[in-house]
Amino acid sequence: MARSLLIRGMLVGILAGLVVFVSAHWLGEPQVDRAIAFESGTGHIHDQEEPEIFSRRVQKTVGLLTGTVTFGAALGGLFGLSFAFSYGRVGPTRPRDLAAFLACIGFITVVFVPSLKYPASPPSVGNPETIGIRTSAFFLMILLSVLAMVVSIKIGRYSIRRFGGWNGGVLAAIFFIAIVTIIGYLLPRINEVPTGFPADLLWQFRLASWALQVLLWASIGLLFGWSTERDKRWSGAKF
Protein backbone atom coordinates (compact mmCIF):
# COMPACT_ATOMS: atom_id res chain seq x y z
CA MET A 1 0.00 0.00 0.00
CA ALA A 2 2.88 2.37 0.71
CA ARG A 3 4.11 1.81 -2.87
CA SER A 4 0.72 2.82 -4.30
CA LEU A 5 0.69 5.95 -2.15
CA LEU A 6 4.20 6.80 -3.36
CA ILE A 7 3.07 6.53 -6.99
CA ARG A 8 -0.12 8.46 -6.24
CA GLY A 9 1.92 11.20 -4.61
CA MET A 10 4.24 11.47 -7.61
CA LEU A 11 1.32 11.72 -10.04
CA VAL A 12 -0.37 14.33 -7.88
CA GLY A 13 2.95 16.17 -7.64
CA ILE A 14 3.22 16.30 -11.42
CA LEU A 15 -0.23 17.88 -11.64
CA ALA A 16 0.72 20.35 -8.90
CA GLY A 17 3.90 21.16 -10.79
CA LEU A 18 1.84 22.00 -13.87
CA VAL A 19 -0.32 24.33 -11.77
CA VAL A 20 2.81 26.08 -10.51
CA PHE A 21 4.26 26.28 -14.03
CA VAL A 22 1.18 28.07 -15.36
CA SER A 23 0.96 30.37 -12.33
CA ALA A 24 4.66 31.25 -12.42
CA HIS A 25 4.23 33.07 -15.72
CA TRP A 26 2.06 35.67 -13.99
CA LEU A 27 3.48 35.60 -10.48
CA GLY A 28 7.21 35.00 -10.75
CA GLU A 29 8.61 35.52 -14.23
CA PRO A 30 7.86 39.27 -14.48
CA GLN A 31 9.92 39.85 -11.32
CA VAL A 32 12.76 37.71 -12.68
CA ASP A 33 12.79 39.72 -15.90
CA ARG A 34 12.95 42.97 -13.93
CA ALA A 35 15.81 41.64 -11.81
CA ILE A 36 17.76 40.60 -14.91
CA ALA A 37 17.18 44.03 -16.43
CA PHE A 38 18.54 45.63 -13.25
CA GLU A 39 21.60 43.37 -13.35
CA SER A 40 22.20 44.21 -16.99
CA GLY A 41 21.86 47.90 -16.26
CA THR A 42 24.49 47.82 -13.53
CA GLY A 43 26.92 46.01 -15.79
CA HIS A 44 27.57 43.17 -13.35
CA ILE A 45 27.02 40.45 -15.90
CA HIS A 46 29.43 42.07 -18.33
CA ASP A 47 32.42 41.95 -16.02
CA GLN A 48 33.23 38.49 -17.38
CA GLU A 49 31.67 37.48 -20.64
CA GLU A 50 30.46 33.89 -20.47
CA PRO A 51 28.64 31.90 -23.14
CA GLU A 52 24.90 31.63 -22.55
CA ILE A 53 24.02 27.96 -22.04
CA PHE A 54 20.24 28.40 -22.09
CA SER A 55 18.43 31.42 -23.45
CA ARG A 56 15.94 33.30 -21.31
CA ARG A 57 13.16 32.01 -23.54
CA VAL A 58 14.16 28.39 -22.85
CA GLN A 59 14.45 29.11 -19.13
CA LYS A 60 10.90 30.55 -19.04
CA THR A 61 9.34 27.64 -20.96
CA VAL A 62 10.99 24.23 -21.15
CA GLY A 63 13.36 24.87 -18.27
CA LEU A 64 10.63 26.13 -15.95
CA LEU A 65 8.29 23.29 -16.92
CA THR A 66 10.97 20.66 -16.34
CA GLY A 67 11.90 22.15 -12.99
CA THR A 68 8.37 22.50 -11.60
CA VAL A 69 7.20 19.07 -12.77
CA THR A 70 10.34 17.28 -11.54
CA PHE A 71 10.27 19.03 -8.18
CA GLY A 72 6.52 18.42 -7.88
CA ALA A 73 6.93 14.70 -8.58
CA ALA A 74 9.73 14.37 -6.01
CA LEU A 75 7.82 16.33 -3.38
CA GLY A 76 4.64 14.39 -4.10
CA GLY A 77 6.46 11.09 -3.67
CA LEU A 78 7.83 12.18 -0.30
CA PHE A 79 4.36 13.38 0.63
CA GLY A 80 2.91 9.96 -0.18
CA LEU A 81 5.49 8.21 1.98
CA SER A 82 4.87 10.68 4.81
CA PHE A 83 1.15 10.00 4.52
CA ALA A 84 1.73 6.23 4.72
CA PHE A 85 3.89 6.66 7.82
CA SER A 86 1.57 9.15 9.54
CA TYR A 87 -1.75 7.36 9.04
CA GLY A 88 -2.96 6.04 12.37
CA ARG A 89 0.03 7.53 14.19
CA VAL A 90 -0.13 11.30 13.76
CA GLY A 91 -2.92 13.70 12.87
CA PRO A 92 -6.50 13.10 11.71
CA THR A 93 -7.77 9.70 10.60
CA ARG A 94 -9.69 10.74 7.47
CA PRO A 95 -7.46 10.71 4.37
CA ARG A 96 -8.55 14.15 3.22
CA ASP A 97 -8.03 15.70 6.64
CA LEU A 98 -4.68 14.00 7.13
CA ALA A 99 -3.44 15.13 3.70
CA ALA A 100 -4.45 18.73 4.47
CA PHE A 101 -2.76 18.50 7.87
CA LEU A 102 0.49 17.19 6.35
CA ALA A 103 0.44 19.84 3.63
CA CYS A 104 0.10 22.62 6.22
CA ILE A 105 2.82 21.15 8.44
CA GLY A 106 5.08 20.59 5.44
CA PHE A 107 4.69 24.13 4.14
CA ILE A 108 5.36 25.67 7.55
CA THR A 109 8.38 23.45 8.23
CA VAL A 110 10.07 23.24 4.83
CA VAL A 111 9.12 26.58 3.27
CA PHE A 112 7.78 29.26 5.60
CA VAL A 113 10.13 28.98 8.58
CA PRO A 114 13.38 28.66 6.55
CA SER A 115 12.31 31.53 4.29
CA LEU A 116 11.94 33.83 7.29
CA LYS A 117 15.67 33.45 7.89
CA TYR A 118 16.78 33.02 4.28
CA PRO A 119 14.08 34.46 1.97
CA ALA A 120 14.06 33.78 -1.75
CA SER A 121 16.09 36.25 -3.78
CA PRO A 122 15.84 37.18 -7.47
CA PRO A 123 18.76 37.23 -9.90
CA SER A 124 21.49 39.84 -9.18
CA VAL A 125 20.96 39.41 -5.42
CA GLY A 126 23.76 37.48 -3.77
CA ASN A 127 27.52 37.22 -4.11
CA PRO A 128 28.60 34.28 -6.33
CA GLU A 129 31.57 33.70 -4.03
CA THR A 130 29.29 32.92 -1.06
CA ILE A 131 26.86 30.62 -2.84
CA GLY A 132 28.26 27.56 -1.07
CA ILE A 133 27.83 29.11 2.37
CA ARG A 134 24.35 30.39 1.55
CA THR A 135 23.20 27.03 0.17
CA SER A 136 24.58 25.09 3.15
CA ALA A 137 22.99 27.47 5.65
CA PHE A 138 19.63 27.30 3.88
CA PHE A 139 19.48 23.49 3.79
CA LEU A 140 20.72 23.30 7.37
CA MET A 141 17.85 25.58 8.36
CA ILE A 142 15.39 23.25 6.59
CA LEU A 143 16.86 20.17 8.27
CA LEU A 144 16.77 21.70 11.74
CA SER A 145 13.24 22.99 11.15
CA VAL A 146 12.09 19.48 10.22
CA LEU A 147 13.76 17.99 13.28
CA ALA A 148 12.15 20.65 15.48
CA MET A 149 8.74 19.81 14.01
CA VAL A 150 9.24 16.08 14.61
CA VAL A 151 10.15 16.68 18.24
CA SER A 152 7.26 19.15 18.62
CA ILE A 153 4.78 16.57 17.32
CA LYS A 154 6.08 14.00 19.79
CA ILE A 155 5.75 16.53 22.61
CA GLY A 156 2.28 17.41 21.35
CA ARG A 157 1.11 13.79 21.43
CA TYR A 158 2.29 13.43 25.02
CA SER A 159 0.87 16.80 26.08
CA ILE A 160 -2.53 16.08 24.50
CA ARG A 161 -2.86 12.86 26.48
CA ARG A 162 -1.95 14.67 29.68
CA PHE A 163 -3.42 18.17 29.30
CA GLY A 164 -6.07 17.81 26.59
CA GLY A 165 -6.19 18.64 22.91
CA TRP A 166 -6.11 22.43 23.04
CA ASN A 167 -3.45 22.78 25.73
CA GLY A 168 -1.30 20.06 24.21
CA GLY A 169 -1.43 21.65 20.77
CA VAL A 170 -0.52 25.08 22.18
CA LEU A 171 2.45 23.64 24.11
CA ALA A 172 3.73 21.88 20.99
CA ALA A 173 3.39 25.08 18.94
CA ILE A 174 5.21 27.14 21.58
CA PHE A 175 8.04 24.62 21.67
CA PHE A 176 8.40 24.64 17.88
CA ILE A 177 8.39 28.44 17.67
CA ALA A 178 10.95 28.72 20.47
CA ILE A 179 13.30 26.15 18.92
CA VAL A 180 13.23 27.57 15.38
CA THR A 181 13.68 31.09 16.76
CA ILE A 182 16.84 29.99 18.57
CA ILE A 183 18.07 28.15 15.47
CA GLY A 184 17.44 31.20 13.29
CA TYR A 185 19.33 33.40 15.73
CA LEU A 186 22.35 31.09 15.81
CA LEU A 187 22.67 30.54 12.08
CA PRO A 188 24.68 33.12 10.11
CA ARG A 189 22.94 36.26 8.88
CA ILE A 190 23.21 36.81 5.13
CA ASN A 191 22.30 40.10 3.49
CA GLU A 192 23.74 40.61 0.01
CA VAL A 193 21.15 42.87 -1.62
CA PRO A 194 23.10 45.22 -3.92
CA THR A 195 22.90 48.97 -3.45
CA GLY A 196 20.09 50.50 -5.45
CA PHE A 197 18.15 47.28 -5.91
CA PRO A 198 14.41 48.16 -6.02
CA ALA A 199 12.78 47.33 -2.70
CA ASP A 200 9.37 46.78 -4.31
CA LEU A 201 10.87 44.24 -6.74
CA LEU A 202 12.52 42.32 -3.91
CA TRP A 203 9.27 42.27 -1.92
CA GLN A 204 7.15 41.26 -4.93
CA PHE A 205 9.56 38.46 -5.82
CA ARG A 206 9.43 37.04 -2.31
CA LEU A 207 5.65 37.29 -2.16
CA ALA A 208 5.46 35.49 -5.51
CA SER A 209 7.78 32.79 -4.21
CA TRP A 210 5.57 32.22 -1.18
CA ALA A 211 2.44 32.22 -3.33
CA LEU A 212 3.84 29.58 -5.69
CA GLN A 213 4.88 27.41 -2.76
CA VAL A 214 1.39 27.73 -1.26
CA LEU A 215 -0.08 26.65 -4.59
CA LEU A 216 2.27 23.67 -4.79
CA TRP A 217 1.65 22.38 -1.27
CA ALA A 218 -2.08 23.10 -1.36
CA SER A 219 -2.48 21.34 -4.71
CA ILE A 220 -0.63 18.26 -3.49
CA GLY A 221 -2.53 18.14 -0.20
CA LEU A 222 -5.98 18.63 -1.72
CA LEU A 223 -5.51 16.36 -4.73
CA PHE A 224 -3.83 13.62 -2.73
CA GLY A 225 -6.48 13.66 -0.02
CA TRP A 226 -9.34 13.72 -2.53
CA SER A 227 -7.97 10.87 -4.64
CA THR A 228 -7.04 8.71 -1.65
CA GLU A 229 -10.40 9.11 0.03
CA ARG A 230 -12.20 8.10 -3.17
CA ASP A 231 -10.08 4.95 -3.55
CA LYS A 232 -12.12 2.11 -2.07
CA ARG A 233 -9.06 -0.15 -1.94
CA TRP A 234 -7.60 2.21 0.61
CA SER A 235 -10.39 1.72 3.17
CA GLY A 236 -9.11 -0.13 6.20
CA ALA A 237 -5.61 -0.44 4.81
CA LYS A 238 -2.66 -1.02 7.09
CA PHE A 239 0.75 0.52 6.47
C-alpha atoms as a PDB file:
ATOM      1  CA  MET A   1       0.000   0.000   0.000  1.00  0.00           C
ATOM      2  CA  ALA A   2       2.875   2.374   0.707  1.00  0.00           C
ATOM      3  CA  ARG A   3       4.106   1.809  -2.868  1.00  0.00           C
ATOM      4  CA  SER A   4       0.719   2.818  -4.299  1.00  0.00           C
ATOM      5  CA  LEU A   5       0.695   5.953  -2.155  1.00  0.00           C
ATOM      6  CA  LEU A   6       4.198   6.795  -3.363  1.00  0.00           C
ATOM      7  CA  ILE A   7       3.068   6.525  -6.990  1.00  0.00           C
ATOM      8  CA  ARG A   8      -0.119   8.459  -6.241  1.00  0.00           C
ATOM      9  CA  GLY A   9       1.918  11.199  -4.614  1.00  0.00           C
ATOM     10  CA  MET A  10       4.243  11.471  -7.610  1.00  0.00           C
ATOM     11  CA  LEU A  11       1.321  11.721 -10.043  1.00  0.00           C
ATOM     12  CA  VAL A  12      -0.367  14.333  -7.876  1.00  0.00           C
ATOM     13  CA  GLY A  13       2.951  16.168  -7.636  1.00  0.00           C
ATOM     14  CA  ILE A  14       3.223  16.296 -11.425  1.00  0.00           C
ATOM     15  CA  LEU A  15      -0.233  17.879 -11.637  1.00  0.00           C
ATOM     16  CA  ALA A  16       0.716  20.345  -8.895  1.00  0.00           C
ATOM     17  CA  GLY A  17       3.899  21.159 -10.790  1.00  0.00           C
ATOM     18  CA  LEU A  18       1.838  21.998 -13.872  1.00  0.00           C
ATOM     19  CA  VAL A  19      -0.319  24.327 -11.771  1.00  0.00           C
ATOM     20  CA  VAL A  20       2.811  26.082 -10.508  1.00  0.00           C
ATOM     21  CA  PHE A  21       4.259  26.282 -14.029  1.00  0.00           C
ATOM     22  CA  VAL A  22       1.178  28.073 -15.359  1.00  0.00           C
ATOM     23  CA  SER A  23       0.956  30.368 -12.329  1.00  0.00           C
ATOM     24  CA  ALA A  24       4.658  31.248 -12.420  1.00  0.00           C
ATOM     25  CA  HIS A  25       4.234  33.066 -15.724  1.00  0.00           C
ATOM     26  CA  TRP A  26       2.056  35.665 -13.988  1.00  0.00           C
ATOM     27  CA  LEU A  27       3.483  35.605 -10.478  1.00  0.00           C
ATOM     28  CA  GLY A  28       7.212  34.997 -10.749  1.00  0.00           C
ATOM     29  CA  GLU A  29       8.606  35.518 -14.230  1.00  0.00           C
ATOM     30  CA  PRO A  30       7.859  39.274 -14.480  1.00  0.00           C
ATOM     31  CA  GLN A  31       9.915  39.850 -11.323  1.00  0.00           C
ATOM     32  CA  VAL A  32      12.763  37.705 -12.680  1.00  0.00           C
ATOM     33  CA  ASP A  33      12.788  39.725 -15.904  1.00  0.00           C
ATOM     34  CA  ARG A  34      12.949  42.973 -13.928  1.00  0.00           C
ATOM     35  CA  ALA A  35      15.813  41.638 -11.806  1.00  0.00           C
ATOM     36  CA  ILE A  36      17.761  40.596 -14.909  1.00  0.00           C
ATOM     37  CA  ALA A  37      17.179  44.026 -16.426  1.00  0.00           C
ATOM     38  CA  PHE A  38      18.542  45.635 -13.245  1.00  0.00           C
ATOM     39  CA  GLU A  39      21.596  43.366 -13.345  1.00  0.00           C
ATOM     40  CA  SER A  40      22.199  44.208 -16.987  1.00  0.00           C
ATOM     41  CA  GLY A  41      21.860  47.904 -16.263  1.00  0.00           C
ATOM     42  CA  THR A  42      24.486  47.816 -13.528  1.00  0.00           C
ATOM     43  CA  GLY A  43      26.917  46.005 -15.794  1.00  0.00           C
ATOM     44  CA  HIS A  44      27.566  43.171 -13.345  1.00  0.00           C
ATOM     45  CA  ILE A  45      27.019  40.453 -15.897  1.00  0.00           C
ATOM     46  CA  HIS A  46      29.426  42.074 -18.327  1.00  0.00           C
ATOM     47  CA  ASP A  47      32.423  41.951 -16.019  1.00  0.00           C
ATOM     48  CA  GLN A  48      33.229  38.493 -17.382  1.00  0.00           C
ATOM     49  CA  GLU A  49      31.666  37.477 -20.644  1.00  0.00           C
ATOM     50  CA  GLU A  50      30.462  33.887 -20.474  1.00  0.00           C
ATOM     51  CA  PRO A  51      28.635  31.896 -23.138  1.00  0.00           C
ATOM     52  CA  GLU A  52      24.900  31.631 -22.549  1.00  0.00           C
ATOM     53  CA  ILE A  53      24.017  27.963 -22.044  1.00  0.00           C
ATOM     54  CA  PHE A  54      20.239  28.397 -22.092  1.00  0.00           C
ATOM     55  CA  SER A  55      18.430  31.415 -23.449  1.00  0.00           C
ATOM     56  CA  ARG A  56      15.944  33.302 -21.307  1.00  0.00           C
ATOM     57  CA  ARG A  57      13.164  32.006 -23.539  1.00  0.00           C
ATOM     58  CA  VAL A  58      14.161  28.393 -22.851  1.00  0.00           C
ATOM     59  CA  GLN A  59      14.446  29.110 -19.135  1.00  0.00           C
ATOM     60  CA  LYS A  60      10.899  30.548 -19.038  1.00  0.00           C
ATOM     61  CA  THR A  61       9.336  27.637 -20.957  1.00  0.00           C
ATOM     62  CA  VAL A  62      10.991  24.227 -21.154  1.00  0.00           C
ATOM     63  CA  GLY A  63      13.361  24.875 -18.272  1.00  0.00           C
ATOM     64  CA  LEU A  64      10.633  26.129 -15.949  1.00  0.00           C
ATOM     65  CA  LEU A  65       8.287  23.285 -16.923  1.00  0.00           C
ATOM     66  CA  THR A  66      10.970  20.662 -16.337  1.00  0.00           C
ATOM     67  CA  GLY A  67      11.895  22.153 -12.987  1.00  0.00           C
ATOM     68  CA  THR A  68       8.368  22.501 -11.603  1.00  0.00           C
ATOM     69  CA  VAL A  69       7.201  19.068 -12.770  1.00  0.00           C
ATOM     70  CA  THR A  70      10.344  17.284 -11.540  1.00  0.00           C
ATOM     71  CA  PHE A  71      10.267  19.032  -8.181  1.00  0.00           C
ATOM     72  CA  GLY A  72       6.524  18.424  -7.882  1.00  0.00           C
ATOM     73  CA  ALA A  73       6.927  14.698  -8.582  1.00  0.00           C
ATOM     74  CA  ALA A  74       9.731  14.373  -6.009  1.00  0.00           C
ATOM     75  CA  LEU A  75       7.818  16.333  -3.375  1.00  0.00           C
ATOM     76  CA  GLY A  76       4.637  14.391  -4.099  1.00  0.00           C
ATOM     77  CA  GLY A  77       6.456  11.092  -3.673  1.00  0.00           C
ATOM     78  CA  LEU A  78       7.831  12.175  -0.305  1.00  0.00           C
ATOM     79  CA  PHE A  79       4.361  13.384   0.633  1.00  0.00           C
ATOM     80  CA  GLY A  80       2.906   9.960  -0.183  1.00  0.00           C
ATOM     81  CA  LEU A  81       5.490   8.210   1.983  1.00  0.00           C
ATOM     82  CA  SER A  82       4.871  10.680   4.809  1.00  0.00           C
ATOM     83  CA  PHE A  83       1.145   9.996   4.517  1.00  0.00           C
ATOM     84  CA  ALA A  84       1.733   6.233   4.722  1.00  0.00           C
ATOM     85  CA  PHE A  85       3.887   6.656   7.821  1.00  0.00           C
ATOM     86  CA  SER A  86       1.570   9.151   9.543  1.00  0.00           C
ATOM     87  CA  TYR A  87      -1.746   7.360   9.039  1.00  0.00           C
ATOM     88  CA  GLY A  88      -2.958   6.039  12.367  1.00  0.00           C
ATOM     89  CA  ARG A  89       0.026   7.532  14.189  1.00  0.00           C
ATOM     90  CA  VAL A  90      -0.127  11.305  13.765  1.00  0.00           C
ATOM     91  CA  GLY A  91      -2.919  13.699  12.869  1.00  0.00           C
ATOM     92  CA  PRO A  92      -6.503  13.100  11.705  1.00  0.00           C
ATOM     93  CA  THR A  93      -7.766   9.697  10.600  1.00  0.00           C
ATOM     94  CA  ARG A  94      -9.689  10.739   7.469  1.00  0.00           C
ATOM     95  CA  PRO A  95      -7.457  10.708   4.370  1.00  0.00           C
ATOM     96  CA  ARG A  96      -8.554  14.152   3.217  1.00  0.00           C
ATOM     97  CA  ASP A  97      -8.030  15.703   6.644  1.00  0.00           C
ATOM     98  CA  LEU A  98      -4.683  13.997   7.133  1.00  0.00           C
ATOM     99  CA  ALA A  99      -3.444  15.130   3.702  1.00  0.00           C
ATOM    100  CA  ALA A 100      -4.450  18.725   4.467  1.00  0.00           C
ATOM    101  CA  PHE A 101      -2.756  18.498   7.868  1.00  0.00           C
ATOM    102  CA  LEU A 102       0.489  17.186   6.355  1.00  0.00           C
ATOM    103  CA  ALA A 103       0.437  19.838   3.630  1.00  0.00           C
ATOM    104  CA  CYS A 104       0.101  22.620   6.216  1.00  0.00           C
ATOM    105  CA  ILE A 105       2.817  21.149   8.438  1.00  0.00           C
ATOM    106  CA  GLY A 106       5.082  20.593   5.445  1.00  0.00           C
ATOM    107  CA  PHE A 107       4.688  24.134   4.143  1.00  0.00           C
ATOM    108  CA  ILE A 108       5.360  25.673   7.553  1.00  0.00           C
ATOM    109  CA  THR A 109       8.377  23.453   8.229  1.00  0.00           C
ATOM    110  CA  VAL A 110      10.073  23.242   4.832  1.00  0.00           C
ATOM    111  CA  VAL A 111       9.121  26.584   3.270  1.00  0.00           C
ATOM    112  CA  PHE A 112       7.784  29.257   5.596  1.00  0.00           C
ATOM    113  CA  VAL A 113      10.131  28.975   8.578  1.00  0.00           C
ATOM    114  CA  PRO A 114      13.381  28.656   6.546  1.00  0.00           C
ATOM    115  CA  SER A 115      12.306  31.528   4.289  1.00  0.00           C
ATOM    116  CA  LEU A 116      11.939  33.832   7.288  1.00  0.00           C
ATOM    117  CA  LYS A 117      15.666  33.449   7.889  1.00  0.00           C
ATOM    118  CA  TYR A 118      16.779  33.023   4.281  1.00  0.00           C
ATOM    119  CA  PRO A 119      14.083  34.457   1.974  1.00  0.00           C
ATOM    120  CA  ALA A 120      14.060  33.781  -1.747  1.00  0.00           C
ATOM    121  CA  SER A 121      16.086  36.253  -3.782  1.00  0.00           C
ATOM    122  CA  PRO A 122      15.839  37.179  -7.468  1.00  0.00           C
ATOM    123  CA  PRO A 123      18.763  37.229  -9.904  1.00  0.00           C
ATOM    124  CA  SER A 124      21.492  39.838  -9.175  1.00  0.00           C
ATOM    125  CA  VAL A 125      20.961  39.405  -5.416  1.00  0.00           C
ATOM    126  CA  GLY A 126      23.764  37.479  -3.774  1.00  0.00           C
ATOM    127  CA  ASN A 127      27.522  37.222  -4.105  1.00  0.00           C
ATOM    128  CA  PRO A 128      28.601  34.284  -6.326  1.00  0.00           C
ATOM    129  CA  GLU A 129      31.571  33.696  -4.028  1.00  0.00           C
ATOM    130  CA  THR A 130      29.291  32.919  -1.061  1.00  0.00           C
ATOM    131  CA  ILE A 131      26.860  30.622  -2.845  1.00  0.00           C
ATOM    132  CA  GLY A 132      28.263  27.556  -1.066  1.00  0.00           C
ATOM    133  CA  ILE A 133      27.826  29.106   2.369  1.00  0.00           C
ATOM    134  CA  ARG A 134      24.347  30.385   1.546  1.00  0.00           C
ATOM    135  CA  THR A 135      23.199  27.028   0.173  1.00  0.00           C
ATOM    136  CA  SER A 136      24.582  25.087   3.146  1.00  0.00           C
ATOM    137  CA  ALA A 137      22.992  27.474   5.650  1.00  0.00           C
ATOM    138  CA  PHE A 138      19.628  27.299   3.882  1.00  0.00           C
ATOM    139  CA  PHE A 139      19.477  23.494   3.794  1.00  0.00           C
ATOM    140  CA  LEU A 140      20.718  23.301   7.369  1.00  0.00           C
ATOM    141  CA  MET A 141      17.849  25.579   8.360  1.00  0.00           C
ATOM    142  CA  ILE A 142      15.390  23.249   6.591  1.00  0.00           C
ATOM    143  CA  LEU A 143      16.856  20.166   8.268  1.00  0.00           C
ATOM    144  CA  LEU A 144      16.772  21.697  11.736  1.00  0.00           C
ATOM    145  CA  SER A 145      13.241  22.994  11.151  1.00  0.00           C
ATOM    146  CA  VAL A 146      12.085  19.477  10.219  1.00  0.00           C
ATOM    147  CA  LEU A 147      13.757  17.991  13.280  1.00  0.00           C
ATOM    148  CA  ALA A 148      12.155  20.653  15.478  1.00  0.00           C
ATOM    149  CA  MET A 149       8.739  19.810  14.015  1.00  0.00           C
ATOM    150  CA  VAL A 150       9.235  16.077  14.608  1.00  0.00           C
ATOM    151  CA  VAL A 151      10.148  16.682  18.239  1.00  0.00           C
ATOM    152  CA  SER A 152       7.261  19.149  18.620  1.00  0.00           C
ATOM    153  CA  ILE A 153       4.781  16.569  17.322  1.00  0.00           C
ATOM    154  CA  LYS A 154       6.078  13.998  19.794  1.00  0.00           C
ATOM    155  CA  ILE A 155       5.750  16.529  22.612  1.00  0.00           C
ATOM    156  CA  GLY A 156       2.282  17.413  21.350  1.00  0.00           C
ATOM    157  CA  ARG A 157       1.112  13.792  21.434  1.00  0.00           C
ATOM    158  CA  TYR A 158       2.292  13.429  25.023  1.00  0.00           C
ATOM    159  CA  SER A 159       0.865  16.801  26.077  1.00  0.00           C
ATOM    160  CA  ILE A 160      -2.528  16.080  24.496  1.00  0.00           C
ATOM    161  CA  ARG A 161      -2.860  12.865  26.482  1.00  0.00           C
ATOM    162  CA  ARG A 162      -1.947  14.673  29.679  1.00  0.00           C
ATOM    163  CA  PHE A 163      -3.417  18.168  29.303  1.00  0.00           C
ATOM    164  CA  GLY A 164      -6.066  17.815  26.593  1.00  0.00           C
ATOM    165  CA  GLY A 165      -6.190  18.637  22.906  1.00  0.00           C
ATOM    166  CA  TRP A 166      -6.113  22.433  23.035  1.00  0.00           C
ATOM    167  CA  ASN A 167      -3.447  22.777  25.730  1.00  0.00           C
ATOM    168  CA  GLY A 168      -1.304  20.057  24.212  1.00  0.00           C
ATOM    169  CA  GLY A 169      -1.428  21.653  20.769  1.00  0.00           C
ATOM    170  CA  VAL A 170      -0.516  25.076  22.182  1.00  0.00           C
ATOM    171  CA  LEU A 171       2.449  23.642  24.107  1.00  0.00           C
ATOM    172  CA  ALA A 172       3.734  21.881  20.989  1.00  0.00           C
ATOM    173  CA  ALA A 173       3.387  25.082  18.940  1.00  0.00           C
ATOM    174  CA  ILE A 174       5.209  27.144  21.580  1.00  0.00           C
ATOM    175  CA  PHE A 175       8.039  24.618  21.672  1.00  0.00           C
ATOM    176  CA  PHE A 176       8.399  24.637  17.881  1.00  0.00           C
ATOM    177  CA  ILE A 177       8.387  28.435  17.672  1.00  0.00           C
ATOM    178  CA  ALA A 178      10.949  28.718  20.473  1.00  0.00           C
ATOM    179  CA  ILE A 179      13.296  26.150  18.916  1.00  0.00           C
ATOM    180  CA  VAL A 180      13.231  27.571  15.379  1.00  0.00           C
ATOM    181  CA  THR A 181      13.676  31.087  16.763  1.00  0.00           C
ATOM    182  CA  ILE A 182      16.838  29.989  18.570  1.00  0.00           C
ATOM    183  CA  ILE A 183      18.073  28.150  15.472  1.00  0.00           C
ATOM    184  CA  GLY A 184      17.438  31.196  13.294  1.00  0.00           C
ATOM    185  CA  TYR A 185      19.328  33.402  15.728  1.00  0.00           C
ATOM    186  CA  LEU A 186      22.353  31.093  15.813  1.00  0.00           C
ATOM    187  CA  LEU A 187      22.668  30.536  12.076  1.00  0.00           C
ATOM    188  CA  PRO A 188      24.678  33.124  10.114  1.00  0.00           C
ATOM    189  CA  ARG A 189      22.944  36.260   8.880  1.00  0.00           C
ATOM    190  CA  ILE A 190      23.205  36.807   5.134  1.00  0.00           C
ATOM    191  CA  ASN A 191      22.296  40.102   3.485  1.00  0.00           C
ATOM    192  CA  GLU A 192      23.738  40.613   0.009  1.00  0.00           C
ATOM    193  CA  VAL A 193      21.154  42.866  -1.621  1.00  0.00           C
ATOM    194  CA  PRO A 194      23.097  45.219  -3.918  1.00  0.00           C
ATOM    195  CA  THR A 195      22.900  48.970  -3.450  1.00  0.00           C
ATOM    196  CA  GLY A 196      20.090  50.499  -5.450  1.00  0.00           C
ATOM    197  CA  PHE A 197      18.149  47.275  -5.909  1.00  0.00           C
ATOM    198  CA  PRO A 198      14.408  48.160  -6.025  1.00  0.00           C
ATOM    199  CA  ALA A 199      12.778  47.326  -2.698  1.00  0.00           C
ATOM    200  CA  ASP A 200       9.372  46.777  -4.312  1.00  0.00           C
ATOM    201  CA  LEU A 201      10.870  44.242  -6.741  1.00  0.00           C
ATOM    202  CA  LEU A 202      12.518  42.321  -3.913  1.00  0.00           C
ATOM    203  CA  TRP A 203       9.275  42.269  -1.924  1.00  0.00           C
ATOM    204  CA  GLN A 204       7.152  41.261  -4.934  1.00  0.00           C
ATOM    205  CA  PHE A 205       9.558  38.457  -5.824  1.00  0.00           C
ATOM    206  CA  ARG A 206       9.426  37.036  -2.306  1.00  0.00           C
ATOM    207  CA  LEU A 207       5.654  37.288  -2.159  1.00  0.00           C
ATOM    208  CA  ALA A 208       5.456  35.491  -5.512  1.00  0.00           C
ATOM    209  CA  SER A 209       7.782  32.791  -4.207  1.00  0.00           C
ATOM    210  CA  TRP A 210       5.566  32.225  -1.179  1.00  0.00           C
ATOM    211  CA  ALA A 211       2.436  32.221  -3.332  1.00  0.00           C
ATOM    212  CA  LEU A 212       3.839  29.576  -5.693  1.00  0.00           C
ATOM    213  CA  GLN A 213       4.883  27.405  -2.763  1.00  0.00           C
ATOM    214  CA  VAL A 214       1.395  27.729  -1.255  1.00  0.00           C
ATOM    215  CA  LEU A 215      -0.080  26.647  -4.592  1.00  0.00           C
ATOM    216  CA  LEU A 216       2.266  23.666  -4.785  1.00  0.00           C
ATOM    217  CA  TRP A 217       1.653  22.378  -1.272  1.00  0.00           C
ATOM    218  CA  ALA A 218      -2.079  23.104  -1.359  1.00  0.00           C
ATOM    219  CA  SER A 219      -2.484  21.341  -4.708  1.00  0.00           C
ATOM    220  CA  ILE A 220      -0.626  18.262  -3.486  1.00  0.00           C
ATOM    221  CA  GLY A 221      -2.532  18.139  -0.202  1.00  0.00           C
ATOM    222  CA  LEU A 222      -5.985  18.631  -1.715  1.00  0.00           C
ATOM    223  CA  LEU A 223      -5.510  16.357  -4.734  1.00  0.00           C
ATOM    224  CA  PHE A 224      -3.827  13.619  -2.727  1.00  0.00           C
ATOM    225  CA  GLY A 225      -6.482  13.659  -0.020  1.00  0.00           C
ATOM    226  CA  TRP A 226      -9.341  13.724  -2.528  1.00  0.00           C
ATOM    227  CA  SER A 227      -7.970  10.872  -4.645  1.00  0.00           C
ATOM    228  CA  THR A 228      -7.039   8.711  -1.647  1.00  0.00           C
ATOM    229  CA  GLU A 229     -10.400   9.114   0.034  1.00  0.00           C
ATOM    230  CA  ARG A 230     -12.196   8.099  -3.171  1.00  0.00           C
ATOM    231  CA  ASP A 231     -10.081   4.954  -3.549  1.00  0.00           C
ATOM    232  CA  LYS A 232     -12.122   2.110  -2.072  1.00  0.00           C
ATOM    233  CA  ARG A 233      -9.062  -0.148  -1.939  1.00  0.00           C
ATOM    234  CA  TRP A 234      -7.597   2.213   0.615  1.00  0.00           C
ATOM    235  CA  SER A 235     -10.386   1.720   3.174  1.00  0.00           C
ATOM    236  CA  GLY A 236      -9.112  -0.130   6.203  1.00  0.00           C
ATOM    237  CA  ALA A 237      -5.615  -0.437   4.812  1.00  0.00           C
ATOM    238  CA  LYS A 238      -2.662  -1.020   7.092  1.00  0.00           C
ATOM    239  CA  PHE A 239       0.746   0.524   6.475  1.00  0.00           C
END
